[in-house]
Amino acid sequence: MIFALLDVLKGADILIYPLGLCSVAMVFIICERAYALRRDAVMPDDLVEAIVDGRAYAGGRDSVLARIIEFAERHADDSDAVKAFARLELNRMERGLPYLDIIYAAAPLLGLTGTVWSLLRVFSSLTSDTGLPDPVAFSSGVALALSATLLGLTIAIPALVGGGWLQRRVENYAAQLDVILERILGAADDEASSKS
């Protein structure tokens, strides 16, 4: 098993470095964004319930929703600025996700490049005497050449799935924040009209 894995890595040749970089970046982005987009970091339940019930806000002070509420309290008379700030917070939640798009597009292409590179070496080893390759060396070379494509696909598929899952989380939070933001702005308008 270990020898087969080493053969696959050997077959990717020099392109193992960019493929490895893609792999490390993909794992880091997915883990970091999954942690950053957990419910307590974005919209803590106690804070959401307080807003929906019209109670005083408590808890969740380091969350995305808390930052939006704090900004809304400081700029109660400017609903456009509050909406722009909420969009900025959504943009921050998407940080790193475009790189997953690049990784799942680039990794298979890097793998394919490695395959073509290795196949060129295999076919250039044909003897000029007979024009035929050594069958064992030829089949081994082709198998190693295909390993680069395999590596590219094993990086691209988790990047595609992880990126889609994280993007869906951000979209769900965006929809929920939109509804809550209307509630916050409505409460600010009610408070301003009661003072005047």
N, C-alpha and C. Protein backbone atom coordinates (compact mmCIF):
# COMPACT_ATOMS: atom_id res chain seq x y z
N MET A 1 0.83 -1.20 0.00
CA MET A 1 0.00 0.00 0.00
C MET A 1 0.87 1.26 0.00
N ILE A 2 1.86 1.31 0.90
CA ILE A 2 2.73 2.48 0.98
C ILE A 2 3.56 2.60 -0.29
N PHE A 3 4.00 1.45 -0.81
CA PHE A 3 4.80 1.49 -2.03
C PHE A 3 3.97 1.99 -3.21
N ALA A 4 2.70 1.59 -3.25
CA ALA A 4 1.83 2.06 -4.33
C ALA A 4 1.63 3.57 -4.23
N LEU A 5 1.48 4.08 -3.01
CA LEU A 5 1.32 5.52 -2.82
C LEU A 5 2.58 6.27 -3.23
N LEU A 6 3.73 5.71 -2.88
CA LEU A 6 5.00 6.33 -3.28
C LEU A 6 5.15 6.33 -4.79
N ASP A 7 4.69 5.25 -5.45
CA ASP A 7 4.73 5.20 -6.91
C ASP A 7 3.84 6.26 -7.53
N VAL A 8 2.67 6.48 -6.94
CA VAL A 8 1.77 7.51 -7.44
C VAL A 8 2.41 8.89 -7.30
N LEU A 9 3.02 9.16 -6.15
CA LEU A 9 3.69 10.44 -5.93
C LEU A 9 4.88 10.60 -6.88
N LYS A 10 5.60 9.51 -7.11
CA LYS A 10 6.74 9.54 -8.03
C LYS A 10 6.27 9.81 -9.46
N GLY A 11 5.12 9.27 -9.82
CA GLY A 11 4.60 9.46 -11.17
C GLY A 11 4.22 10.89 -11.48
N ALA A 12 3.91 11.69 -10.45
CA ALA A 12 3.56 13.09 -10.69
C ALA A 12 4.77 13.94 -11.01
N ASP A 13 5.95 13.40 -10.73
CA ASP A 13 7.22 14.05 -11.04
C ASP A 13 7.30 15.44 -10.41
N ILE A 14 7.73 16.41 -11.15
CA ILE A 14 7.95 17.76 -10.59
C ILE A 14 6.64 18.47 -10.26
N LEU A 15 5.55 18.05 -10.88
CA LEU A 15 4.26 18.69 -10.61
C LEU A 15 3.67 18.27 -9.27
N ILE A 16 4.37 17.41 -8.54
CA ILE A 16 3.92 17.06 -7.20
C ILE A 16 3.97 18.29 -6.29
N TYR A 17 4.86 19.22 -6.56
CA TYR A 17 4.98 20.42 -5.71
C TYR A 17 3.77 21.34 -5.84
N PRO A 18 3.37 21.74 -7.05
CA PRO A 18 2.14 22.55 -7.10
C PRO A 18 0.90 21.78 -6.68
N LEU A 19 0.86 20.48 -6.97
CA LEU A 19 -0.28 19.68 -6.52
C LEU A 19 -0.30 19.59 -4.99
N GLY A 20 0.86 19.44 -4.39
CA GLY A 20 0.94 19.43 -2.92
C GLY A 20 0.53 20.76 -2.33
N LEU A 21 0.93 21.86 -2.96
CA LEU A 21 0.53 23.19 -2.51
C LEU A 21 -0.98 23.36 -2.59
N CYS A 22 -1.56 22.91 -3.69
CA CYS A 22 -3.03 22.96 -3.83
C CYS A 22 -3.70 22.14 -2.73
N SER A 23 -3.14 20.98 -2.44
CA SER A 23 -3.73 20.11 -1.42
C SER A 23 -3.69 20.75 -0.04
N VAL A 24 -2.55 21.31 0.33
CA VAL A 24 -2.40 21.95 1.64
C VAL A 24 -3.32 23.17 1.73
N ALA A 25 -3.36 23.98 0.67
CA ALA A 25 -4.23 25.17 0.68
C ALA A 25 -5.69 24.77 0.80
N MET A 26 -6.09 23.73 0.08
CA MET A 26 -7.49 23.27 0.14
C MET A 26 -7.87 22.83 1.54
N VAL A 27 -7.03 22.02 2.17
CA VAL A 27 -7.32 21.54 3.52
C VAL A 27 -7.38 22.71 4.49
N PHE A 28 -6.44 23.64 4.39
CA PHE A 28 -6.43 24.79 5.29
C PHE A 28 -7.69 25.64 5.13
N ILE A 29 -8.05 25.96 3.88
CA ILE A 29 -9.21 26.83 3.64
C ILE A 29 -10.49 26.16 4.15
N ILE A 30 -10.67 24.90 3.83
CA ILE A 30 -11.90 24.21 4.26
C ILE A 30 -11.98 24.15 5.79
N CYS A 31 -10.88 23.79 6.45
CA CYS A 31 -10.90 23.71 7.92
C CYS A 31 -11.10 25.09 8.55
N GLU A 32 -10.39 26.09 8.06
CA GLU A 32 -10.49 27.43 8.63
C GLU A 32 -11.89 28.02 8.43
N ARG A 33 -12.44 27.88 7.24
CA ARG A 33 -13.77 28.43 6.96
C ARG A 33 -14.86 27.65 7.70
N ALA A 34 -14.69 26.33 7.82
CA ALA A 34 -15.68 25.55 8.57
C ALA A 34 -15.71 26.00 10.03
N TYR A 35 -14.55 26.31 10.58
CA TYR A 35 -14.49 26.80 11.95
C TYR A 35 -15.05 28.23 12.04
N ALA A 36 -14.70 29.08 11.10
CA ALA A 36 -15.14 30.48 11.13
C ALA A 36 -16.64 30.61 10.86
N LEU A 37 -17.23 29.66 10.15
CA LEU A 37 -18.65 29.74 9.79
C LEU A 37 -19.53 28.89 10.70
N ARG A 38 -19.02 28.53 11.86
CA ARG A 38 -19.89 27.80 12.80
C ARG A 38 -20.96 28.76 13.31
N ARG A 39 -22.05 28.22 13.76
CA ARG A 39 -23.23 29.00 14.14
C ARG A 39 -22.92 30.04 15.22
N ASP A 40 -22.16 29.66 16.24
CA ASP A 40 -21.86 30.58 17.34
C ASP A 40 -21.00 31.76 16.90
N ALA A 41 -20.22 31.59 15.85
CA ALA A 41 -19.36 32.68 15.38
C ALA A 41 -20.09 33.63 14.44
N VAL A 42 -21.20 33.20 13.90
CA VAL A 42 -21.93 34.04 12.95
C VAL A 42 -23.22 34.57 13.57
N MET A 43 -24.10 33.68 13.99
CA MET A 43 -25.41 34.07 14.51
C MET A 43 -25.74 33.24 15.75
N PRO A 44 -25.23 33.62 16.92
CA PRO A 44 -25.55 32.84 18.12
C PRO A 44 -27.05 32.81 18.37
N ASP A 45 -27.55 31.66 18.77
CA ASP A 45 -28.99 31.49 18.96
C ASP A 45 -29.58 32.46 19.98
N ASP A 46 -28.85 32.71 21.07
CA ASP A 46 -29.39 33.61 22.09
C ASP A 46 -29.53 35.04 21.57
N LEU A 47 -28.60 35.45 20.74
CA LEU A 47 -28.66 36.79 20.16
C LEU A 47 -29.80 36.90 19.15
N VAL A 48 -29.97 35.87 18.34
CA VAL A 48 -31.06 35.85 17.36
C VAL A 48 -32.41 35.89 18.08
N GLU A 49 -32.55 35.08 19.11
CA GLU A 49 -33.81 35.05 19.85
C GLU A 49 -34.11 36.40 20.49
N ALA A 50 -33.07 37.06 21.01
CA ALA A 50 -33.27 38.38 21.62
C ALA A 50 -33.76 39.39 20.59
N ILE A 51 -33.23 39.34 19.40
CA ILE A 51 -33.65 40.28 18.35
C ILE A 51 -35.08 39.98 17.92
N VAL A 52 -35.37 38.71 17.70
CA VAL A 52 -36.71 38.33 17.25
C VAL A 52 -37.76 38.69 18.31
N ASP A 53 -37.42 38.47 19.58
CA ASP A 53 -38.37 38.76 20.67
C ASP A 53 -38.39 40.23 21.06
N GLY A 54 -37.47 41.03 20.52
CA GLY A 54 -37.43 42.45 20.85
C GLY A 54 -36.84 42.72 22.23
N ARG A 55 -36.03 41.77 22.74
CA ARG A 55 -35.41 41.94 24.05
C ARG A 55 -34.05 42.61 23.91
N ALA A 56 -33.46 42.94 25.04
CA ALA A 56 -32.10 43.51 25.04
C ALA A 56 -31.13 42.44 24.54
N TYR A 57 -30.12 42.89 23.81
CA TYR A 57 -29.15 41.97 23.25
C TYR A 57 -28.16 41.54 24.31
N ALA A 58 -27.92 40.27 24.39
CA ALA A 58 -26.94 39.75 25.35
C ALA A 58 -26.23 38.56 24.73
N GLY A 59 -24.95 38.45 25.01
CA GLY A 59 -24.19 37.30 24.53
C GLY A 59 -23.77 37.44 23.08
N GLY A 60 -22.87 36.56 22.67
CA GLY A 60 -22.43 36.52 21.28
C GLY A 60 -21.76 37.78 20.80
N ARG A 61 -21.03 38.47 21.65
CA ARG A 61 -20.47 39.77 21.30
C ARG A 61 -19.36 39.71 20.26
N ASP A 62 -18.78 38.56 20.01
CA ASP A 62 -17.72 38.45 19.01
C ASP A 62 -18.21 37.87 17.70
N SER A 63 -19.51 37.81 17.52
CA SER A 63 -20.06 37.19 16.31
C SER A 63 -20.29 38.23 15.22
N VAL A 64 -20.55 37.73 14.02
CA VAL A 64 -20.86 38.61 12.88
C VAL A 64 -22.12 39.42 13.18
N LEU A 65 -23.12 38.76 13.69
CA LEU A 65 -24.38 39.45 14.00
C LEU A 65 -24.17 40.53 15.05
N ALA A 66 -23.35 40.27 16.06
CA ALA A 66 -23.08 41.27 17.09
C ALA A 66 -22.39 42.49 16.51
N ARG A 67 -21.47 42.28 15.57
CA ARG A 67 -20.80 43.43 14.93
C ARG A 67 -21.79 44.25 14.12
N ILE A 68 -22.72 43.57 13.45
CA ILE A 68 -23.74 44.29 12.68
C ILE A 68 -24.65 45.09 13.62
N ILE A 69 -25.04 44.48 14.73
CA ILE A 69 -25.90 45.17 15.70
C ILE A 69 -25.18 46.39 16.26
N GLU A 70 -23.92 46.21 16.62
CA GLU A 70 -23.15 47.31 17.18
C GLU A 70 -23.04 48.46 16.17
N PHE A 71 -22.79 48.12 14.91
CA PHE A 71 -22.72 49.15 13.87
C PHE A 71 -24.07 49.83 13.69
N ALA A 72 -25.15 49.03 13.73
CA ALA A 72 -26.49 49.59 13.57
C ALA A 72 -26.84 50.53 14.72
N GLU A 73 -26.39 50.23 15.93
CA GLU A 73 -26.65 51.11 17.06
C GLU A 73 -25.91 52.43 16.92
N ARG A 74 -24.69 52.38 16.38
CA ARG A 74 -23.91 53.61 16.21
C ARG A 74 -24.42 54.44 15.04
N HIS A 75 -25.04 53.80 14.05
CA HIS A 75 -25.53 54.50 12.85
C HIS A 75 -27.02 54.25 12.68
N ALA A 76 -27.76 54.48 13.72
CA ALA A 76 -29.20 54.19 13.71
C ALA A 76 -29.96 55.01 12.68
N ASP A 77 -29.45 56.16 12.30
CA ASP A 77 -30.15 57.03 11.36
C ASP A 77 -29.77 56.77 9.90
N ASP A 78 -28.87 55.82 9.65
CA ASP A 78 -28.40 55.57 8.28
C ASP A 78 -28.54 54.08 7.95
N SER A 79 -29.73 53.71 7.49
CA SER A 79 -29.98 52.29 7.20
C SER A 79 -29.16 51.79 6.01
N ASP A 80 -28.84 52.67 5.06
CA ASP A 80 -28.02 52.25 3.92
C ASP A 80 -26.62 51.86 4.37
N ALA A 81 -26.07 52.62 5.33
CA ALA A 81 -24.74 52.30 5.84
C ALA A 81 -24.76 50.97 6.58
N VAL A 82 -25.83 50.69 7.31
CA VAL A 82 -25.94 49.42 8.03
C VAL A 82 -26.03 48.26 7.04
N LYS A 83 -26.79 48.43 5.98
CA LYS A 83 -26.89 47.37 4.96
C LYS A 83 -25.56 47.15 4.26
N ALA A 84 -24.83 48.24 4.01
CA ALA A 84 -23.52 48.12 3.39
C ALA A 84 -22.54 47.40 4.32
N PHE A 85 -22.63 47.70 5.60
CA PHE A 85 -21.77 47.02 6.57
C PHE A 85 -22.11 45.53 6.65
N ALA A 86 -23.38 45.20 6.58
CA ALA A 86 -23.79 43.79 6.59
C ALA A 86 -23.26 43.07 5.35
N ARG A 87 -23.28 43.74 4.20
CA ARG A 87 -22.72 43.14 2.98
C ARG A 87 -21.21 42.92 3.13
N LEU A 88 -20.56 43.87 3.79
CA LEU A 88 -19.12 43.73 4.04
C LEU A 88 -18.84 42.52 4.94
N GLU A 89 -19.67 42.32 5.94
CA GLU A 89 -19.51 41.15 6.81
C GLU A 89 -19.74 39.86 6.03
N LEU A 90 -20.71 39.86 5.13
CA LEU A 90 -20.93 38.67 4.28
C LEU A 90 -19.72 38.42 3.39
N ASN A 91 -19.14 39.48 2.88
CA ASN A 91 -17.95 39.35 2.05
C ASN A 91 -16.80 38.74 2.86
N ARG A 92 -16.68 39.13 4.12
CA ARG A 92 -15.65 38.55 4.98
C ARG A 92 -15.90 37.07 5.23
N MET A 93 -17.17 36.68 5.31
CA MET A 93 -17.47 35.26 5.51
C MET A 93 -17.07 34.43 4.30
N GLU A 94 -17.04 35.02 3.12
CA GLU A 94 -16.68 34.30 1.90
C GLU A 94 -15.17 34.26 1.67
N ARG A 95 -14.41 34.87 2.59
CA ARG A 95 -12.96 34.92 2.43
C ARG A 95 -12.39 33.52 2.22
N GLY A 96 -11.57 33.36 1.21
CA GLY A 96 -10.92 32.08 0.93
C GLY A 96 -11.70 31.17 -0.01
N LEU A 97 -13.01 31.35 -0.10
CA LEU A 97 -13.81 30.46 -0.95
C LEU A 97 -13.46 30.58 -2.44
N PRO A 98 -13.15 31.77 -2.96
CA PRO A 98 -12.75 31.81 -4.38
C PRO A 98 -11.48 31.00 -4.67
N TYR A 99 -10.62 30.86 -3.67
CA TYR A 99 -9.42 30.06 -3.89
C TYR A 99 -9.75 28.58 -4.06
N LEU A 100 -10.80 28.12 -3.41
CA LEU A 100 -11.23 26.74 -3.63
C LEU A 100 -11.69 26.54 -5.07
N ASP A 101 -12.34 27.56 -5.64
CA ASP A 101 -12.73 27.49 -7.05
C ASP A 101 -11.51 27.35 -7.94
N ILE A 102 -10.47 28.12 -7.63
CA ILE A 102 -9.23 28.04 -8.41
C ILE A 102 -8.59 26.67 -8.26
N ILE A 103 -8.58 26.16 -7.03
CA ILE A 103 -7.95 24.85 -6.79
C ILE A 103 -8.68 23.75 -7.54
N TYR A 104 -10.02 23.74 -7.48
CA TYR A 104 -10.70 22.63 -8.15
C TYR A 104 -10.67 22.77 -9.66
N ALA A 105 -10.36 23.95 -10.16
CA ALA A 105 -10.17 24.08 -11.61
C ALA A 105 -8.73 23.77 -12.01
N ALA A 106 -7.77 24.17 -11.18
CA ALA A 106 -6.35 24.04 -11.55
C ALA A 106 -5.79 22.65 -11.27
N ALA A 107 -6.22 21.99 -10.19
CA ALA A 107 -5.62 20.71 -9.82
C ALA A 107 -5.74 19.65 -10.92
N PRO A 108 -6.93 19.46 -11.54
CA PRO A 108 -6.98 18.47 -12.61
C PRO A 108 -6.13 18.86 -13.83
N LEU A 109 -6.04 20.17 -14.08
CA LEU A 109 -5.20 20.61 -15.20
C LEU A 109 -3.72 20.36 -14.91
N LEU A 110 -3.32 20.58 -13.66
CA LEU A 110 -1.94 20.25 -13.28
C LEU A 110 -1.70 18.75 -13.41
N GLY A 111 -2.68 17.97 -12.96
CA GLY A 111 -2.56 16.52 -13.09
C GLY A 111 -2.47 16.07 -14.53
N LEU A 112 -3.28 16.68 -15.38
CA LEU A 112 -3.24 16.35 -16.80
C LEU A 112 -1.90 16.75 -17.42
N THR A 113 -1.40 17.89 -17.01
CA THR A 113 -0.08 18.32 -17.49
C THR A 113 0.98 17.31 -17.08
N GLY A 114 0.91 16.84 -15.84
CA GLY A 114 1.86 15.82 -15.38
C GLY A 114 1.74 14.53 -16.17
N THR A 115 0.52 14.17 -16.51
CA THR A 115 0.31 12.96 -17.30
C THR A 115 0.93 13.11 -18.69
N VAL A 116 0.67 14.22 -19.32
CA VAL A 116 1.23 14.46 -20.67
C VAL A 116 2.75 14.48 -20.59
N TRP A 117 3.27 15.15 -19.58
CA TRP A 117 4.72 15.24 -19.37
C TRP A 117 5.33 13.84 -19.25
N SER A 118 4.71 13.00 -18.44
CA SER A 118 5.23 11.64 -18.23
C SER A 118 5.07 10.79 -19.48
N LEU A 119 3.96 10.95 -20.19
CA LEU A 119 3.77 10.17 -21.42
C LEU A 119 4.78 10.56 -22.49
N LEU A 120 5.13 11.83 -22.53
CA LEU A 120 6.17 12.25 -23.48
C LEU A 120 7.49 11.56 -23.18
N ARG A 121 7.80 11.44 -21.90
CA ARG A 121 9.04 10.74 -21.53
C ARG A 121 8.96 9.26 -21.88
N VAL A 122 7.77 8.67 -21.67
CA VAL A 122 7.61 7.24 -21.99
C VAL A 122 7.79 7.02 -23.49
N PHE A 123 7.15 7.86 -24.29
CA PHE A 123 7.24 7.66 -25.74
C PHE A 123 8.60 8.06 -26.31
N SER A 124 9.28 8.94 -25.61
CA SER A 124 10.62 9.29 -26.10
C SER A 124 11.64 8.19 -25.80
N SER A 125 11.27 7.24 -24.97
CA SER A 125 12.18 6.13 -24.65
C SER A 125 12.07 4.98 -25.65
N LEU A 126 11.28 5.17 -26.70
CA LEU A 126 11.19 4.13 -27.72
C LEU A 126 12.55 3.96 -28.40
N THR A 127 12.92 2.75 -28.66
CA THR A 127 14.20 2.51 -29.32
C THR A 127 14.08 2.79 -30.80
N SER A 128 15.12 3.35 -31.32
CA SER A 128 15.10 3.67 -32.75
C SER A 128 15.33 2.42 -33.61
N ASP A 129 15.87 1.37 -33.03
CA ASP A 129 16.13 0.14 -33.79
C ASP A 129 14.83 -0.51 -34.23
N THR A 130 13.93 -0.77 -33.27
CA THR A 130 12.70 -1.49 -33.59
C THR A 130 11.48 -0.56 -33.61
N GLY A 131 11.60 0.57 -32.96
CA GLY A 131 10.45 1.47 -32.87
C GLY A 131 9.43 1.00 -31.85
N LEU A 132 9.77 -0.03 -31.10
CA LEU A 132 8.87 -0.59 -30.10
C LEU A 132 9.46 -0.39 -28.71
N PRO A 133 8.62 -0.15 -27.75
CA PRO A 133 9.13 0.00 -26.38
C PRO A 133 9.27 -1.36 -25.71
N ASP A 134 9.98 -1.34 -24.61
CA ASP A 134 10.02 -2.52 -23.76
C ASP A 134 8.63 -2.60 -23.12
N PRO A 135 7.89 -3.69 -23.31
CA PRO A 135 6.50 -3.76 -22.83
C PRO A 135 6.34 -3.50 -21.34
N VAL A 136 7.23 -4.03 -20.54
CA VAL A 136 7.13 -3.85 -19.09
C VAL A 136 7.38 -2.39 -18.72
N ALA A 137 8.45 -1.82 -19.27
CA ALA A 137 8.78 -0.42 -18.97
C ALA A 137 7.70 0.51 -19.51
N PHE A 138 7.15 0.17 -20.68
CA PHE A 138 6.11 1.02 -21.28
C PHE A 138 4.85 1.03 -20.43
N SER A 139 4.37 -0.14 -20.03
CA SER A 139 3.13 -0.18 -19.23
C SER A 139 3.35 0.44 -17.86
N SER A 140 4.53 0.25 -17.29
CA SER A 140 4.84 0.88 -16.00
C SER A 140 4.89 2.40 -16.15
N GLY A 141 5.46 2.88 -17.23
CA GLY A 141 5.54 4.32 -17.48
C GLY A 141 4.18 4.95 -17.69
N VAL A 142 3.30 4.27 -18.41
CA VAL A 142 1.95 4.78 -18.62
C VAL A 142 1.18 4.82 -17.31
N ALA A 143 1.34 3.77 -16.49
CA ALA A 143 0.66 3.74 -15.19
C ALA A 143 1.13 4.89 -14.30
N LEU A 144 2.45 5.14 -14.30
CA LEU A 144 2.96 6.26 -13.51
C LEU A 144 2.47 7.59 -14.06
N ALA A 145 2.36 7.69 -15.37
CA ALA A 145 1.90 8.93 -15.98
C ALA A 145 0.48 9.27 -15.56
N LEU A 146 -0.36 8.27 -15.47
CA LEU A 146 -1.76 8.51 -15.09
C LEU A 146 -1.90 8.88 -13.61
N SER A 147 -0.87 8.64 -12.82
CA SER A 147 -0.96 8.96 -11.39
C SER A 147 -1.07 10.46 -11.16
N ALA A 148 -0.50 11.27 -12.02
CA ALA A 148 -0.62 12.73 -11.86
C ALA A 148 -2.07 13.17 -12.01
N THR A 149 -2.78 12.60 -12.97
CA THR A 149 -4.20 12.92 -13.13
C THR A 149 -4.99 12.45 -11.92
N LEU A 150 -4.65 11.28 -11.41
CA LEU A 150 -5.32 10.77 -10.21
C LEU A 150 -5.13 11.74 -9.04
N LEU A 151 -3.91 12.21 -8.84
CA LEU A 151 -3.65 13.17 -7.76
C LEU A 151 -4.43 14.46 -7.96
N GLY A 152 -4.46 14.95 -9.19
CA GLY A 152 -5.20 16.17 -9.48
C GLY A 152 -6.68 16.03 -9.17
N LEU A 153 -7.25 14.88 -9.52
CA LEU A 153 -8.67 14.66 -9.24
C LEU A 153 -8.95 14.46 -7.76
N THR A 154 -8.03 13.81 -7.04
CA THR A 154 -8.25 13.62 -5.60
C THR A 154 -8.12 14.93 -4.83
N ILE A 155 -7.51 15.91 -5.42
CA ILE A 155 -7.47 17.25 -4.81
C ILE A 155 -8.70 18.06 -5.23
N ALA A 156 -9.06 17.95 -6.51
CA ALA A 156 -10.15 18.77 -7.04
C ALA A 156 -11.52 18.38 -6.48
N ILE A 157 -11.77 17.11 -6.29
CA ILE A 157 -13.10 16.68 -5.84
C ILE A 157 -13.41 17.18 -4.43
N PRO A 158 -12.51 17.02 -3.44
CA PRO A 158 -12.82 17.60 -2.12
C PRO A 158 -12.91 19.13 -2.15
N ALA A 159 -12.12 19.78 -3.00
CA ALA A 159 -12.19 21.24 -3.11
C ALA A 159 -13.55 21.66 -3.65
N LEU A 160 -14.06 20.93 -4.62
CA LEU A 160 -15.37 21.23 -5.20
C LEU A 160 -16.48 21.01 -4.17
N VAL A 161 -16.45 19.87 -3.50
CA VAL A 161 -17.48 19.56 -2.51
C VAL A 161 -17.40 20.51 -1.33
N GLY A 162 -16.19 20.72 -0.81
CA GLY A 162 -16.02 21.63 0.33
C GLY A 162 -16.40 23.05 0.00
N GLY A 163 -16.00 23.52 -1.18
CA GLY A 163 -16.35 24.88 -1.59
C GLY A 163 -17.85 25.06 -1.75
N GLY A 164 -18.51 24.07 -2.33
CA GLY A 164 -19.97 24.14 -2.47
C GLY A 164 -20.68 24.14 -1.14
N TRP A 165 -20.22 23.29 -0.22
CA TRP A 165 -20.83 23.22 1.11
C TRP A 165 -20.65 24.54 1.86
N LEU A 166 -19.43 25.09 1.82
CA LEU A 166 -19.18 26.35 2.52
C LEU A 166 -19.94 27.52 1.89
N GLN A 167 -20.02 27.53 0.57
CA GLN A 167 -20.77 28.60 -0.11
C GLN A 167 -22.24 28.54 0.26
N ARG A 168 -22.76 27.34 0.36
CA ARG A 168 -24.17 27.17 0.76
C ARG A 168 -24.40 27.66 2.18
N ARG A 169 -23.46 27.41 3.08
CA ARG A 169 -23.56 27.92 4.45
C ARG A 169 -23.61 29.44 4.46
N VAL A 170 -22.73 30.06 3.67
CA VAL A 170 -22.71 31.53 3.61
C VAL A 170 -24.03 32.05 3.05
N GLU A 171 -24.56 31.40 2.02
CA GLU A 171 -25.84 31.84 1.45
C GLU A 171 -26.98 31.70 2.45
N ASN A 172 -26.98 30.62 3.23
CA ASN A 172 -28.01 30.45 4.27
C ASN A 172 -27.89 31.54 5.33
N TYR A 173 -26.67 31.82 5.76
CA TYR A 173 -26.48 32.89 6.73
C TYR A 173 -26.90 34.24 6.15
N ALA A 174 -26.61 34.45 4.87
CA ALA A 174 -26.97 35.72 4.23
C ALA A 174 -28.48 35.91 4.25
N ALA A 175 -29.22 34.87 3.94
CA ALA A 175 -30.68 34.97 3.95
C ALA A 175 -31.20 35.23 5.36
N GLN A 176 -30.65 34.54 6.33
CA GLN A 176 -31.08 34.74 7.71
C GLN A 176 -30.71 36.13 8.22
N LEU A 177 -29.49 36.58 7.88
CA LEU A 177 -29.07 37.92 8.31
C LEU A 177 -29.92 39.00 7.66
N ASP A 178 -30.37 38.76 6.44
CA ASP A 178 -31.23 39.73 5.75
C ASP A 178 -32.53 39.93 6.51
N VAL A 179 -33.13 38.85 6.95
CA VAL A 179 -34.38 38.94 7.71
C VAL A 179 -34.14 39.62 9.06
N ILE A 180 -33.08 39.23 9.73
CA ILE A 180 -32.78 39.82 11.05
C ILE A 180 -32.41 41.29 10.91
N LEU A 181 -31.70 41.63 9.83
CA LEU A 181 -31.33 43.03 9.60
C LEU A 181 -32.57 43.90 9.43
N GLU A 182 -33.59 43.38 8.73
CA GLU A 182 -34.84 44.13 8.60
C GLU A 182 -35.48 44.35 9.97
N ARG A 183 -35.40 43.35 10.81
CA ARG A 183 -35.95 43.47 12.18
C ARG A 183 -35.18 44.53 12.98
N ILE A 184 -33.85 44.52 12.85
CA ILE A 184 -33.02 45.51 13.56
C ILE A 184 -33.33 46.91 13.06
N LEU A 185 -33.38 47.08 11.75
CA LEU A 185 -33.65 48.41 11.18
C LEU A 185 -35.07 48.85 11.50
N GLY A 186 -36.02 47.93 11.53
CA GLY A 186 -37.40 48.27 11.90
C GLY A 186 -37.48 48.73 13.34
N ALA A 187 -36.73 48.06 14.24
CA ALA A 187 -36.72 48.46 15.64
C ALA A 187 -36.06 49.82 15.81
N ALA A 188 -35.02 50.10 15.02
CA ALA A 188 -34.36 51.41 15.10
C ALA A 188 -35.29 52.51 14.61
N ASP A 189 -36.06 52.22 13.53
CA ASP A 189 -37.02 53.22 13.02
C ASP A 189 -38.13 53.48 14.03
N ASP A 190 -38.61 52.41 14.69
CA ASP A 190 -39.65 52.56 15.71
C ASP A 190 -39.16 53.40 16.89
N GLU A 191 -37.90 53.15 17.26
CA GLU A 191 -37.33 53.90 18.39
C GLU A 191 -37.14 55.36 18.01
N ALA A 192 -36.71 55.62 16.77
CA ALA A 192 -36.52 57.01 16.34
C ALA A 192 -37.84 57.74 16.24
N SER A 193 -38.89 57.08 15.78
CA SER A 193 -40.19 57.73 15.65
C SER A 193 -40.84 57.96 17.02
N SER A 194 -40.55 57.10 18.00
CA SER A 194 -41.11 57.30 19.33
C SER A 194 -40.44 58.45 20.06
N LYS A 195 -39.17 58.72 19.74
CA LYS A 195 -38.46 59.84 20.36
C LYS A 195 -38.93 61.16 19.81
N SER A 196 -39.34 61.17 18.53
CA SER A 196 -39.75 62.43 17.90
C SER A 196 -41.22 62.64 18.05
